[in-house]
Amino acid sequence: MTRDQISYVIFFAAIVATGLILKNYFYFQLITIIGINTLLALALNMLLGYAGQISLGHAAFYGIGAYTSGILTATYGFNPWMALPCALMLAIVIAVVVGFPTLKLTGYYLGMGTLGFGMIVHIVFREWSSVTGGASGFMGIPPLEIGHVSFFEPRNYFFLVWFVVLLSFILCKRLINSRTGRALKAIHDSENAAKAVGINTRNLKLKIFVFSAALSALAGFLYAHMISFISPESFSFLVSVKIVTMVVIGGMASIWGSLLGASLLTMLPEWLHAFSDFEMVVYGLILMVVMIITPQGLTRGIIEIYERSRSAKAKR
């Protein structure tokens, strides 16, 4: 077995063991939310960490997936599994429309462009009250079911979300190790150099943007059918900032860093209730400290510390 395959087997075993051991509803819900946030961090990591394209509006695609599925199922009576491809397709179409002009920008300008898109989508969620429920939110979203298996039961939903995360890890890892993945890394290092060796950078950036948007919409679908209630504040600019922070803290260009960053940032509010009014300040401080101590993120920082300790022991 390869190193990656061993990692997936261990991860699968950890999912099964956790699902069988846990009994408390709160912990089931918390760890399931970590899984959904891991999908979001992974989606942005593919764009930011591997392709070097910053996005400050990824919560918009998260919300598009949630609202599309929620509206189709609760308002129009669609089966949730039929609403899923509709949600993904809408996210893909919007990503193409937005990404085609926006990805011509670079650096801070690209960040501002995606930020503007995220704010527009948030305003639509809040103001189109006849469809989205407006600021009061949208409720009545039905739970997922497969035959006689209901995912309203927390344990079942836990397994569903984390198996989706595992499949997403495998898919993204295969993409990274492919020719397309090597081209993305080339764009990240130097877009001009990538163009010089014949890589169609514009087309590839659009493709990874669309892939990232679809993965975020999938996370939105899972979130909506878990909570059964969604509101515009669940997909605001602050959520986009949280996703970026997850990626940077966990480690850019690291699949497992997405898991670490999502875990830390999801559990952080549970640890820091006293600082809930200063959430952005706390995130900013944590981000600043991590970037100073381990600029490549915690995952790579931990690996470097481990390798240094091994080399130091070998020299003795």
C-alpha atoms as a PDB file:
ATOM      1  CA  MET A   1       0.000   0.000   0.000  1.00  0.00           C
ATOM      2  CA  THR A   2       1.148   3.532  -0.721  1.00  0.00           C
ATOM      3  CA  ARG A   3       1.520   6.181   1.938  1.00  0.00           C
ATOM      4  CA  ASP A   4      -1.675   7.914   0.780  1.00  0.00           C
ATOM      5  CA  GLN A   5      -3.664   4.681   0.850  1.00  0.00           C
ATOM      6  CA  ILE A   6      -2.498   3.968   4.398  1.00  0.00           C
ATOM      7  CA  SER A   7      -3.591   7.475   5.399  1.00  0.00           C
ATOM      8  CA  TYR A   8      -7.041   6.923   3.905  1.00  0.00           C
ATOM      9  CA  VAL A   9      -7.446   3.566   5.671  1.00  0.00           C
ATOM     10  CA  ILE A  10      -6.479   5.141   9.014  1.00  0.00           C
ATOM     11  CA  PHE A  11      -8.847   8.046   8.363  1.00  0.00           C
ATOM     12  CA  PHE A  12     -11.686   5.652   7.460  1.00  0.00           C
ATOM     13  CA  ALA A  13     -11.055   3.630  10.615  1.00  0.00           C
ATOM     14  CA  ALA A  14     -11.073   6.832  12.692  1.00  0.00           C
ATOM     15  CA  ILE A  15     -14.433   7.844  11.174  1.00  0.00           C
ATOM     16  CA  VAL A  16     -16.011   4.477  11.938  1.00  0.00           C
ATOM     17  CA  ALA A  17     -14.565   4.322  15.467  1.00  0.00           C
ATOM     18  CA  THR A  18     -15.693   7.870  16.287  1.00  0.00           C
ATOM     19  CA  GLY A  19     -19.205   7.234  14.967  1.00  0.00           C
ATOM     20  CA  LEU A  20     -19.564   4.065  17.019  1.00  0.00           C
ATOM     21  CA  ILE A  21     -18.074   5.477  20.240  1.00  0.00           C
ATOM     22  CA  LEU A  22     -19.855   8.842  20.381  1.00  0.00           C
ATOM     23  CA  LYS A  23     -23.190   8.962  22.210  1.00  0.00           C
ATOM     24  CA  ASN A  24     -23.761  12.676  22.867  1.00  0.00           C
ATOM     25  CA  TYR A  25     -25.926  14.567  20.337  1.00  0.00           C
ATOM     26  CA  PHE A  26     -23.936  17.800  20.777  1.00  0.00           C
ATOM     27  CA  TYR A  27     -20.630  16.127  19.905  1.00  0.00           C
ATOM     28  CA  PHE A  28     -22.175  14.446  16.874  1.00  0.00           C
ATOM     29  CA  GLN A  29     -23.387  17.812  15.628  1.00  0.00           C
ATOM     30  CA  LEU A  30     -20.071  19.558  16.369  1.00  0.00           C
ATOM     31  CA  ILE A  31     -17.950  16.950  14.576  1.00  0.00           C
ATOM     32  CA  THR A  32     -20.382  16.859  11.647  1.00  0.00           C
ATOM     33  CA  ILE A  33     -20.040  20.648  11.313  1.00  0.00           C
ATOM     34  CA  ILE A  34     -16.253  20.158  11.349  1.00  0.00           C
ATOM     35  CA  GLY A  35     -16.707  17.786   8.398  1.00  0.00           C
ATOM     36  CA  ILE A  36     -18.747  20.357   6.459  1.00  0.00           C
ATOM     37  CA  ASN A  37     -16.185  23.066   7.229  1.00  0.00           C
ATOM     38  CA  THR A  38     -13.436  20.695   6.097  1.00  0.00           C
ATOM     39  CA  LEU A  39     -15.142  20.501   2.698  1.00  0.00           C
ATOM     40  CA  LEU A  40     -15.213  24.305   2.549  1.00  0.00           C
ATOM     41  CA  ALA A  41     -11.546  24.598   3.523  1.00  0.00           C
ATOM     42  CA  LEU A  42     -10.599  21.895   1.017  1.00  0.00           C
ATOM     43  CA  ALA A  43     -12.522  23.697  -1.740  1.00  0.00           C
ATOM     44  CA  LEU A  44     -10.726  26.980  -1.107  1.00  0.00           C
ATOM     45  CA  ASN A  45      -7.384  25.230  -0.597  1.00  0.00           C
ATOM     46  CA  MET A  46      -7.577  23.814  -4.121  1.00  0.00           C
ATOM     47  CA  LEU A  47      -7.978  27.350  -5.429  1.00  0.00           C
ATOM     48  CA  LEU A  48      -5.773  29.306  -3.038  1.00  0.00           C
ATOM     49  CA  GLY A  49      -3.215  26.773  -1.844  1.00  0.00           C
ATOM     50  CA  TYR A  50      -2.544  24.939  -5.103  1.00  0.00           C
ATOM     51  CA  ALA A  51      -3.432  27.474  -7.817  1.00  0.00           C
ATOM     52  CA  GLY A  52      -2.533  30.625  -5.875  1.00  0.00           C
ATOM     53  CA  GLN A  53      -5.854  32.369  -6.647  1.00  0.00           C
ATOM     54  CA  ILE A  54      -7.334  34.166  -3.632  1.00  0.00           C
ATOM     55  CA  SER A  55     -11.096  34.291  -3.071  1.00  0.00           C
ATOM     56  CA  LEU A  56     -12.847  36.311  -0.389  1.00  0.00           C
ATOM     57  CA  GLY A  57     -16.346  35.358  -1.473  1.00  0.00           C
ATOM     58  CA  HIS A  58     -16.459  31.575  -1.234  1.00  0.00           C
ATOM     59  CA  ALA A  59     -19.269  31.711   1.315  1.00  0.00           C
ATOM     60  CA  ALA A  60     -21.463  32.779  -1.615  1.00  0.00           C
ATOM     61  CA  PHE A  61     -21.146  29.366  -3.302  1.00  0.00           C
ATOM     62  CA  TYR A  62     -21.697  27.728   0.082  1.00  0.00           C
ATOM     63  CA  GLY A  63     -24.956  29.692   0.357  1.00  0.00           C
ATOM     64  CA  ILE A  64     -25.986  29.007  -3.239  1.00  0.00           C
ATOM     65  CA  GLY A  65     -25.803  25.269  -2.579  1.00  0.00           C
ATOM     66  CA  ALA A  66     -27.773  25.592   0.657  1.00  0.00           C
ATOM     67  CA  TYR A  67     -30.489  27.957  -0.603  1.00  0.00           C
ATOM     68  CA  THR A  68     -30.997  26.208  -3.940  1.00  0.00           C
ATOM     69  CA  SER A  69     -31.546  22.833  -2.316  1.00  0.00           C
ATOM     70  CA  GLY A  70     -33.579  24.334   0.520  1.00  0.00           C
ATOM     71  CA  ILE A  71     -35.931  26.237  -1.795  1.00  0.00           C
ATOM     72  CA  LEU A  72     -36.381  23.351  -4.237  1.00  0.00           C
ATOM     73  CA  THR A  73     -37.197  20.840  -1.475  1.00  0.00           C
ATOM     74  CA  ALA A  74     -39.179  22.963   0.997  1.00  0.00           C
ATOM     75  CA  THR A  75     -41.026  25.194  -1.480  1.00  0.00           C
ATOM     76  CA  TYR A  76     -41.388  23.046  -4.599  1.00  0.00           C
ATOM     77  CA  GLY A  77     -41.349  19.559  -3.094  1.00  0.00           C
ATOM     78  CA  PHE A  78     -38.232  18.251  -4.859  1.00  0.00           C
ATOM     79  CA  ASN A  79     -36.548  15.135  -3.584  1.00  0.00           C
ATOM     80  CA  PRO A  80     -33.305  16.348  -1.909  1.00  0.00           C
ATOM     81  CA  TRP A  81     -31.184  14.008  -4.038  1.00  0.00           C
ATOM     82  CA  MET A  82     -32.730  15.566  -7.157  1.00  0.00           C
ATOM     83  CA  ALA A  83     -32.115  19.043  -5.756  1.00  0.00           C
ATOM     84  CA  LEU A  84     -28.396  18.291  -5.259  1.00  0.00           C
ATOM     85  CA  PRO A  85     -27.430  18.269  -8.976  1.00  0.00           C
ATOM     86  CA  CYS A  86     -29.534  21.419  -9.463  1.00  0.00           C
ATOM     87  CA  ALA A  87     -27.618  23.158  -6.659  1.00  0.00           C
ATOM     88  CA  LEU A  88     -24.263  22.034  -8.058  1.00  0.00           C
ATOM     89  CA  MET A  89     -25.195  23.062 -11.594  1.00  0.00           C
ATOM     90  CA  LEU A  90     -26.329  26.530 -10.501  1.00  0.00           C
ATOM     91  CA  ALA A  91     -23.074  27.010  -8.562  1.00  0.00           C
ATOM     92  CA  ILE A  92     -21.072  25.874 -11.598  1.00  0.00           C
ATOM     93  CA  VAL A  93     -22.917  28.219 -13.988  1.00  0.00           C
ATOM     94  CA  ILE A  94     -22.498  31.201 -11.650  1.00  0.00           C
ATOM     95  CA  ALA A  95     -18.819  30.308 -11.118  1.00  0.00           C
ATOM     96  CA  VAL A  96     -18.247  30.345 -14.891  1.00  0.00           C
ATOM     97  CA  VAL A  97     -20.070  33.666 -15.301  1.00  0.00           C
ATOM     98  CA  VAL A  98     -18.223  35.276 -12.375  1.00  0.00           C
ATOM     99  CA  GLY A  99     -14.872  33.575 -12.865  1.00  0.00           C
ATOM    100  CA  PHE A 100     -14.446  34.322 -16.569  1.00  0.00           C
ATOM    101  CA  PRO A 101     -13.955  38.101 -16.084  1.00  0.00           C
ATOM    102  CA  THR A 102     -12.792  38.046 -12.447  1.00  0.00           C
ATOM    103  CA  LEU A 103      -9.902  35.619 -12.917  1.00  0.00           C
ATOM    104  CA  LYS A 104      -8.278  38.073 -15.305  1.00  0.00           C
ATOM    105  CA  LEU A 105      -7.408  39.977 -12.142  1.00  0.00           C
ATOM    106  CA  THR A 106      -4.514  39.017  -9.894  1.00  0.00           C
ATOM    107  CA  GLY A 107      -3.477  39.437  -6.267  1.00  0.00           C
ATOM    108  CA  TYR A 108      -5.422  41.928  -4.169  1.00  0.00           C
ATOM    109  CA  TYR A 109      -7.582  42.921  -7.154  1.00  0.00           C
ATOM    110  CA  LEU A 110      -8.823  39.335  -7.490  1.00  0.00           C
ATOM    111  CA  GLY A 111      -9.555  39.296  -3.762  1.00  0.00           C
ATOM    112  CA  MET A 112     -11.593  42.484  -4.053  1.00  0.00           C
ATOM    113  CA  GLY A 113     -13.477  41.140  -7.077  1.00  0.00           C
ATOM    114  CA  THR A 114     -14.518  37.955  -5.290  1.00  0.00           C
ATOM    115  CA  LEU A 115     -15.331  39.969  -2.164  1.00  0.00           C
ATOM    116  CA  GLY A 116     -17.764  42.085  -4.192  1.00  0.00           C
ATOM    117  CA  PHE A 117     -19.407  38.961  -5.604  1.00  0.00           C
ATOM    118  CA  GLY A 118     -19.831  37.501  -2.116  1.00  0.00           C
ATOM    119  CA  MET A 119     -21.430  40.704  -0.833  1.00  0.00           C
ATOM    120  CA  ILE A 120     -23.872  40.829  -3.767  1.00  0.00           C
ATOM    121  CA  VAL A 121     -25.001  37.233  -3.158  1.00  0.00           C
ATOM    122  CA  HIS A 122     -25.412  37.939   0.567  1.00  0.00           C
ATOM    123  CA  ILE A 123     -27.603  40.948  -0.218  1.00  0.00           C
ATOM    124  CA  VAL A 124     -29.743  38.818  -2.574  1.00  0.00           C
ATOM    125  CA  PHE A 125     -30.247  36.231   0.179  1.00  0.00           C
ATOM    126  CA  ARG A 126     -31.284  38.968   2.610  1.00  0.00           C
ATOM    127  CA  GLU A 127     -33.480  41.121   0.365  1.00  0.00           C
ATOM    128  CA  TRP A 128     -35.243  38.549  -1.848  1.00  0.00           C
ATOM    129  CA  SER A 129     -37.510  37.700   1.054  1.00  0.00           C
ATOM    130  CA  SER A 130     -40.359  36.250  -1.048  1.00  0.00           C
ATOM    131  CA  VAL A 131     -38.060  33.394  -2.105  1.00  0.00           C
ATOM    132  CA  THR A 132     -35.292  33.145   0.499  1.00  0.00           C
ATOM    133  CA  GLY A 133     -37.206  34.231   3.598  1.00  0.00           C
ATOM    134  CA  GLY A 134     -35.038  37.334   3.903  1.00  0.00           C
ATOM    135  CA  ALA A 135     -33.269  38.232   7.121  1.00  0.00           C
ATOM    136  CA  SER A 136     -35.649  35.983   9.093  1.00  0.00           C
ATOM    137  CA  GLY A 137     -34.214  32.935   7.366  1.00  0.00           C
ATOM    138  CA  PHE A 138     -35.602  29.972   5.483  1.00  0.00           C
ATOM    139  CA  MET A 139     -36.985  26.987   7.361  1.00  0.00           C
ATOM    140  CA  GLY A 140     -38.708  23.654   6.790  1.00  0.00           C
ATOM    141  CA  ILE A 141     -35.854  22.029   4.842  1.00  0.00           C
ATOM    142  CA  PRO A 142     -36.480  18.249   4.952  1.00  0.00           C
ATOM    143  CA  PRO A 143     -33.877  15.735   6.188  1.00  0.00           C
ATOM    144  CA  LEU A 144     -32.086  13.428   3.771  1.00  0.00           C
ATOM    145  CA  GLU A 145     -33.257   9.853   3.306  1.00  0.00           C
ATOM    146  CA  ILE A 146     -32.105   6.809   1.332  1.00  0.00           C
ATOM    147  CA  GLY A 147     -34.814   4.167   1.283  1.00  0.00           C
ATOM    148  CA  HIS A 148     -35.646   3.338   4.896  1.00  0.00           C
ATOM    149  CA  VAL A 149     -32.468   5.002   6.195  1.00  0.00           C
ATOM    150  CA  SER A 150     -33.128   8.474   7.610  1.00  0.00           C
ATOM    151  CA  PHE A 151     -30.237  10.880   8.038  1.00  0.00           C
ATOM    152  CA  PHE A 152     -32.251  12.834  10.581  1.00  0.00           C
ATOM    153  CA  GLU A 153     -30.530  10.533  13.086  1.00  0.00           C
ATOM    154  CA  PRO A 154     -27.255  12.301  14.076  1.00  0.00           C
ATOM    155  CA  ARG A 155     -25.075   9.194  13.792  1.00  0.00           C
ATOM    156  CA  ASN A 156     -26.237   8.499  10.237  1.00  0.00           C
ATOM    157  CA  TYR A 157     -25.624  12.094   9.179  1.00  0.00           C
ATOM    158  CA  PHE A 158     -22.185  12.001  10.785  1.00  0.00           C
ATOM    159  CA  PHE A 159     -21.224   8.992   8.670  1.00  0.00           C
ATOM    160  CA  LEU A 160     -22.686  10.562   5.509  1.00  0.00           C
ATOM    161  CA  VAL A 161     -20.761  13.826   5.867  1.00  0.00           C
ATOM    162  CA  TRP A 162     -17.439  12.238   6.780  1.00  0.00           C
ATOM    163  CA  PHE A 163     -17.604   9.650   3.991  1.00  0.00           C
ATOM    164  CA  VAL A 164     -18.193  12.555   1.593  1.00  0.00           C
ATOM    165  CA  VAL A 165     -15.130  14.243   3.106  1.00  0.00           C
ATOM    166  CA  LEU A 166     -13.061  11.078   2.617  1.00  0.00           C
ATOM    167  CA  LEU A 167     -14.160  10.749  -1.027  1.00  0.00           C
ATOM    168  CA  SER A 168     -13.377  14.447  -1.566  1.00  0.00           C
ATOM    169  CA  PHE A 169      -9.889  13.963  -0.114  1.00  0.00           C
ATOM    170  CA  ILE A 170      -9.247  11.059  -2.493  1.00  0.00           C
ATOM    171  CA  LEU A 171     -10.586  13.011  -5.482  1.00  0.00           C
ATOM    172  CA  CYS A 172      -8.552  16.130  -4.693  1.00  0.00           C
ATOM    173  CA  LYS A 173      -5.381  14.127  -4.037  1.00  0.00           C
ATOM    174  CA  ARG A 174      -5.716  12.375  -7.398  1.00  0.00           C
ATOM    175  CA  LEU A 175      -6.258  15.734  -9.051  1.00  0.00           C
ATOM    176  CA  ILE A 176      -3.185  17.209  -7.371  1.00  0.00           C
ATOM    177  CA  ASN A 177      -0.984  14.280  -8.423  1.00  0.00           C
ATOM    178  CA  SER A 178      -2.212  14.435 -12.021  1.00  0.00           C
ATOM    179  CA  ARG A 179      -0.877  16.513 -14.902  1.00  0.00           C
ATOM    180  CA  THR A 180      -3.535  19.123 -14.113  1.00  0.00           C
ATOM    181  CA  GLY A 181      -2.304  19.322 -10.520  1.00  0.00           C
ATOM    182  CA  ARG A 182       1.280  19.895 -11.639  1.00  0.00           C
ATOM    183  CA  ALA A 183       0.049  22.645 -13.945  1.00  0.00           C
ATOM    184  CA  LEU A 184      -1.814  24.278 -11.035  1.00  0.00           C
ATOM    185  CA  LYS A 185       1.369  24.256  -8.948  1.00  0.00           C
ATOM    186  CA  ALA A 186       3.209  25.858 -11.866  1.00  0.00           C
ATOM    187  CA  ILE A 187       0.604  28.648 -11.982  1.00  0.00           C
ATOM    188  CA  HIS A 188       0.979  29.099  -8.228  1.00  0.00           C
ATOM    189  CA  ASP A 189       4.770  29.462  -8.498  1.00  0.00           C
ATOM    190  CA  SER A 190       4.791  31.719 -11.572  1.00  0.00           C
ATOM    191  CA  GLU A 191       1.907  32.277 -13.949  1.00  0.00           C
ATOM    192  CA  ASN A 192       4.167  33.829 -16.594  1.00  0.00           C
ATOM    193  CA  ALA A 193       6.509  30.841 -16.471  1.00  0.00           C
ATOM    194  CA  ALA A 194       3.519  28.501 -16.752  1.00  0.00           C
ATOM    195  CA  LYS A 195       2.373  30.368 -19.865  1.00  0.00           C
ATOM    196  CA  ALA A 196       5.871  30.124 -21.317  1.00  0.00           C
ATOM    197  CA  VAL A 197       5.802  26.311 -21.196  1.00  0.00           C
ATOM    198  CA  GLY A 198       2.423  26.137 -22.942  1.00  0.00           C
ATOM    199  CA  ILE A 199      -0.059  25.915 -20.045  1.00  0.00           C
ATOM    200  CA  ASN A 200      -3.420  27.533 -20.784  1.00  0.00           C
ATOM    201  CA  THR A 201      -3.482  29.371 -17.464  1.00  0.00           C
ATOM    202  CA  ARG A 202      -6.736  31.222 -18.043  1.00  0.00           C
ATOM    203  CA  ASN A 203      -8.667  28.037 -18.853  1.00  0.00           C
ATOM    204  CA  LEU A 204      -7.102  26.087 -15.990  1.00  0.00           C
ATOM    205  CA  LYS A 205      -7.776  28.827 -13.421  1.00  0.00           C
ATOM    206  CA  LEU A 206     -11.424  28.898 -14.487  1.00  0.00           C
ATOM    207  CA  LYS A 207     -11.704  25.108 -14.191  1.00  0.00           C
ATOM    208  CA  ILE A 208     -10.271  25.000 -10.663  1.00  0.00           C
ATOM    209  CA  PHE A 209     -12.485  27.957  -9.673  1.00  0.00           C
ATOM    210  CA  VAL A 210     -15.548  26.053 -10.909  1.00  0.00           C
ATOM    211  CA  PHE A 211     -14.441  22.854  -9.140  1.00  0.00           C
ATOM    212  CA  SER A 212     -13.918  24.794  -5.915  1.00  0.00           C
ATOM    213  CA  ALA A 213     -17.359  26.411  -6.243  1.00  0.00           C
ATOM    214  CA  ALA A 214     -19.053  23.036  -6.772  1.00  0.00           C
ATOM    215  CA  LEU A 215     -17.367  21.546  -3.706  1.00  0.00           C
ATOM    216  CA  SER A 216     -18.481  24.567  -1.640  1.00  0.00           C
ATOM    217  CA  ALA A 217     -22.056  24.152  -2.925  1.00  0.00           C
ATOM    218  CA  LEU A 218     -21.941  20.487  -1.880  1.00  0.00           C
ATOM    219  CA  ALA A 219     -20.987  21.631   1.623  1.00  0.00           C
ATOM    220  CA  GLY A 220     -23.941  24.051   1.554  1.00  0.00           C
ATOM    221  CA  PHE A 221     -26.296  21.236   0.565  1.00  0.00           C
ATOM    222  CA  LEU A 222     -25.129  19.100   3.484  1.00  0.00           C
ATOM    223  CA  TYR A 223     -25.387  22.035   5.903  1.00  0.00           C
ATOM    224  CA  ALA A 224     -28.936  22.964   4.850  1.00  0.00           C
ATOM    225  CA  HIS A 225     -30.322  19.432   5.253  1.00  0.00           C
ATOM    226  CA  MET A 226     -28.591  18.984   8.587  1.00  0.00           C
ATOM    227  CA  ILE A 227     -29.797  22.228  10.217  1.00  0.00           C
ATOM    228  CA  SER A 228     -33.184  22.461   8.385  1.00  0.00           C
ATOM    229  CA  PHE A 229     -32.926  26.248   8.741  1.00  0.00           C
ATOM    230  CA  ILE A 230     -30.646  28.694   6.927  1.00  0.00           C
ATOM    231  CA  SER A 231     -30.235  32.462   7.098  1.00  0.00           C
ATOM    232  CA  PRO A 232     -28.117  35.014   5.206  1.00  0.00           C
ATOM    233  CA  GLU A 233     -25.749  35.424   8.165  1.00  0.00           C
ATOM    234  CA  SER A 234     -24.609  31.817   7.718  1.00  0.00           C
ATOM    235  CA  PHE A 235     -23.056  32.880   4.372  1.00  0.00           C
ATOM    236  CA  SER A 236     -21.754  36.374   5.127  1.00  0.00           C
ATOM    237  CA  PHE A 237     -18.335  37.947   4.564  1.00  0.00           C
ATOM    238  CA  LEU A 238     -17.297  36.787   8.039  1.00  0.00           C
ATOM    239  CA  VAL A 239     -17.821  33.168   6.934  1.00  0.00           C
ATOM    240  CA  SER A 240     -15.577  33.769   3.907  1.00  0.00           C
ATOM    241  CA  VAL A 241     -12.917  35.145   6.249  1.00  0.00           C
ATOM    242  CA  LYS A 242     -13.251  32.054   8.450  1.00  0.00           C
ATOM    243  CA  ILE A 243     -12.748  29.774   5.444  1.00  0.00           C
ATOM    244  CA  VAL A 244      -9.600  31.649   4.410  1.00  0.00           C
ATOM    245  CA  THR A 245      -8.348  31.478   8.011  1.00  0.00           C
ATOM    246  CA  MET A 246      -8.962  27.704   8.098  1.00  0.00           C
ATOM    247  CA  VAL A 247      -6.843  27.256   4.984  1.00  0.00           C
ATOM    248  CA  VAL A 248      -3.994  29.490   6.132  1.00  0.00           C
ATOM    249  CA  ILE A 249      -3.845  28.128   9.690  1.00  0.00           C
ATOM    250  CA  GLY A 250      -4.121  24.485   8.656  1.00  0.00           C
ATOM    251  CA  GLY A 251      -1.630  24.885   5.845  1.00  0.00           C
ATOM    252  CA  MET A 252      -1.993  25.987   2.237  1.00  0.00           C
ATOM    253  CA  ALA A 253      -1.401  23.314  -0.415  1.00  0.00           C
ATOM    254  CA  SER A 254      -2.136  20.619   2.177  1.00  0.00           C
ATOM    255  CA  ILE A 255      -5.131  18.283   1.993  1.00  0.00           C
ATOM    256  CA  TRP A 256      -4.831  17.296   5.648  1.00  0.00           C
ATOM    257  CA  GLY A 257      -4.202  20.928   6.577  1.00  0.00           C
ATOM    258  CA  SER A 258      -7.790  21.646   5.534  1.00  0.00           C
ATOM    259  CA  LEU A 259      -8.958  19.145   8.150  1.00  0.00           C
ATOM    260  CA  LEU A 260      -6.725  20.605  10.856  1.00  0.00           C
ATOM    261  CA  GLY A 261      -7.694  24.214  10.119  1.00  0.00           C
ATOM    262  CA  ALA A 262     -11.417  23.401   9.982  1.00  0.00           C
ATOM    263  CA  SER A 263     -11.222  21.469  13.255  1.00  0.00           C
ATOM    264  CA  LEU A 264      -9.458  24.276  15.116  1.00  0.00           C
ATOM    265  CA  LEU A 265     -11.633  27.100  13.792  1.00  0.00           C
ATOM    266  CA  THR A 266     -14.886  25.176  14.391  1.00  0.00           C
ATOM    267  CA  MET A 267     -14.022  24.291  17.981  1.00  0.00           C
ATOM    268  CA  LEU A 268     -12.527  27.700  18.779  1.00  0.00           C
ATOM    269  CA  PRO A 269     -15.904  29.409  19.525  1.00  0.00           C
ATOM    270  CA  GLU A 270     -16.681  26.592  21.972  1.00  0.00           C
ATOM    271  CA  TRP A 271     -13.449  27.360  23.835  1.00  0.00           C
ATOM    272  CA  LEU A 272     -13.718  31.161  23.706  1.00  0.00           C
ATOM    273  CA  HIS A 273     -17.284  31.990  24.720  1.00  0.00           C
ATOM    274  CA  ALA A 274     -16.030  35.006  26.680  1.00  0.00           C
ATOM    275  CA  PHE A 275     -14.616  36.567  23.484  1.00  0.00           C
ATOM    276  CA  SER A 276     -17.641  35.995  21.245  1.00  0.00           C
ATOM    277  CA  ASP A 277     -18.071  39.758  20.719  1.00  0.00           C
ATOM    278  CA  PHE A 278     -14.495  40.017  19.468  1.00  0.00           C
ATOM    279  CA  GLU A 279     -14.555  37.050  17.097  1.00  0.00           C
ATOM    280  CA  MET A 280     -12.838  38.834  14.192  1.00  0.00           C
ATOM    281  CA  VAL A 281     -10.133  40.192  16.504  1.00  0.00           C
ATOM    282  CA  VAL A 282      -9.415  36.704  17.864  1.00  0.00           C
ATOM    283  CA  TYR A 283      -9.244  35.225  14.348  1.00  0.00           C
ATOM    284  CA  GLY A 284      -6.934  38.028  13.259  1.00  0.00           C
ATOM    285  CA  LEU A 285      -4.595  37.505  16.207  1.00  0.00           C
ATOM    286  CA  ILE A 286      -4.465  33.742  15.690  1.00  0.00           C
ATOM    287  CA  LEU A 287      -3.807  34.210  11.985  1.00  0.00           C
ATOM    288  CA  MET A 288      -1.033  36.713  12.697  1.00  0.00           C
ATOM    289  CA  VAL A 289       0.672  34.477  15.265  1.00  0.00           C
ATOM    290  CA  VAL A 290       0.510  31.395  13.015  1.00  0.00           C
ATOM    291  CA  MET A 291       1.910  33.322  10.032  1.00  0.00           C
ATOM    292  CA  ILE A 292       4.803  34.612  12.130  1.00  0.00           C
ATOM    293  CA  ILE A 293       5.698  31.264  13.713  1.00  0.00           C
ATOM    294  CA  THR A 294       4.812  28.830  10.894  1.00  0.00           C
ATOM    295  CA  PRO A 295       4.186  30.744   7.623  1.00  0.00           C
ATOM    296  CA  GLN A 296       3.323  27.491   5.788  1.00  0.00           C
ATOM    297  CA  GLY A 297       0.579  26.621   8.293  1.00  0.00           C
ATOM    298  CA  LEU A 298       0.374  24.338  11.295  1.00  0.00           C
ATOM    299  CA  THR A 299       0.464  21.080   9.318  1.00  0.00           C
ATOM    300  CA  ARG A 300       3.773  21.845   7.630  1.00  0.00           C
ATOM    301  CA  GLY A 301       5.089  23.397  10.849  1.00  0.00           C
ATOM    302  CA  ILE A 302       4.372  20.211  12.803  1.00  0.00           C
ATOM    303  CA  ILE A 303       5.999  18.089  10.080  1.00  0.00           C
ATOM    304  CA  GLU A 304       9.105  20.307  10.076  1.00  0.00           C
ATOM    305  CA  ILE A 305       9.417  20.098  13.874  1.00  0.00           C
ATOM    306  CA  TYR A 306       9.103  16.295  13.685  1.00  0.00           C
ATOM    307  CA  GLU A 307      11.725  16.032  10.947  1.00  0.00           C
ATOM    308  CA  ARG A 308      14.134  18.290  12.834  1.00  0.00           C
ATOM    309  CA  SER A 309      13.761  16.189  15.986  1.00  0.00           C
ATOM    310  CA  ARG A 310      14.429  13.022  13.993  1.00  0.00           C
ATOM    311  CA  SER A 311      17.524  14.488  12.334  1.00  0.00           C
ATOM    312  CA  ALA A 312      18.785  15.741  15.720  1.00  0.00           C
ATOM    313  CA  LYS A 313      18.387  12.257  17.221  1.00  0.00           C
ATOM    314  CA  ALA A 314      20.164  10.701  14.240  1.00  0.00           C
ATOM    315  CA  LYS A 315      23.188  12.984  14.715  1.00  0.00           C
ATOM    316  CA  ARG A 316      23.614  11.957  18.335  1.00  0.00           C
END
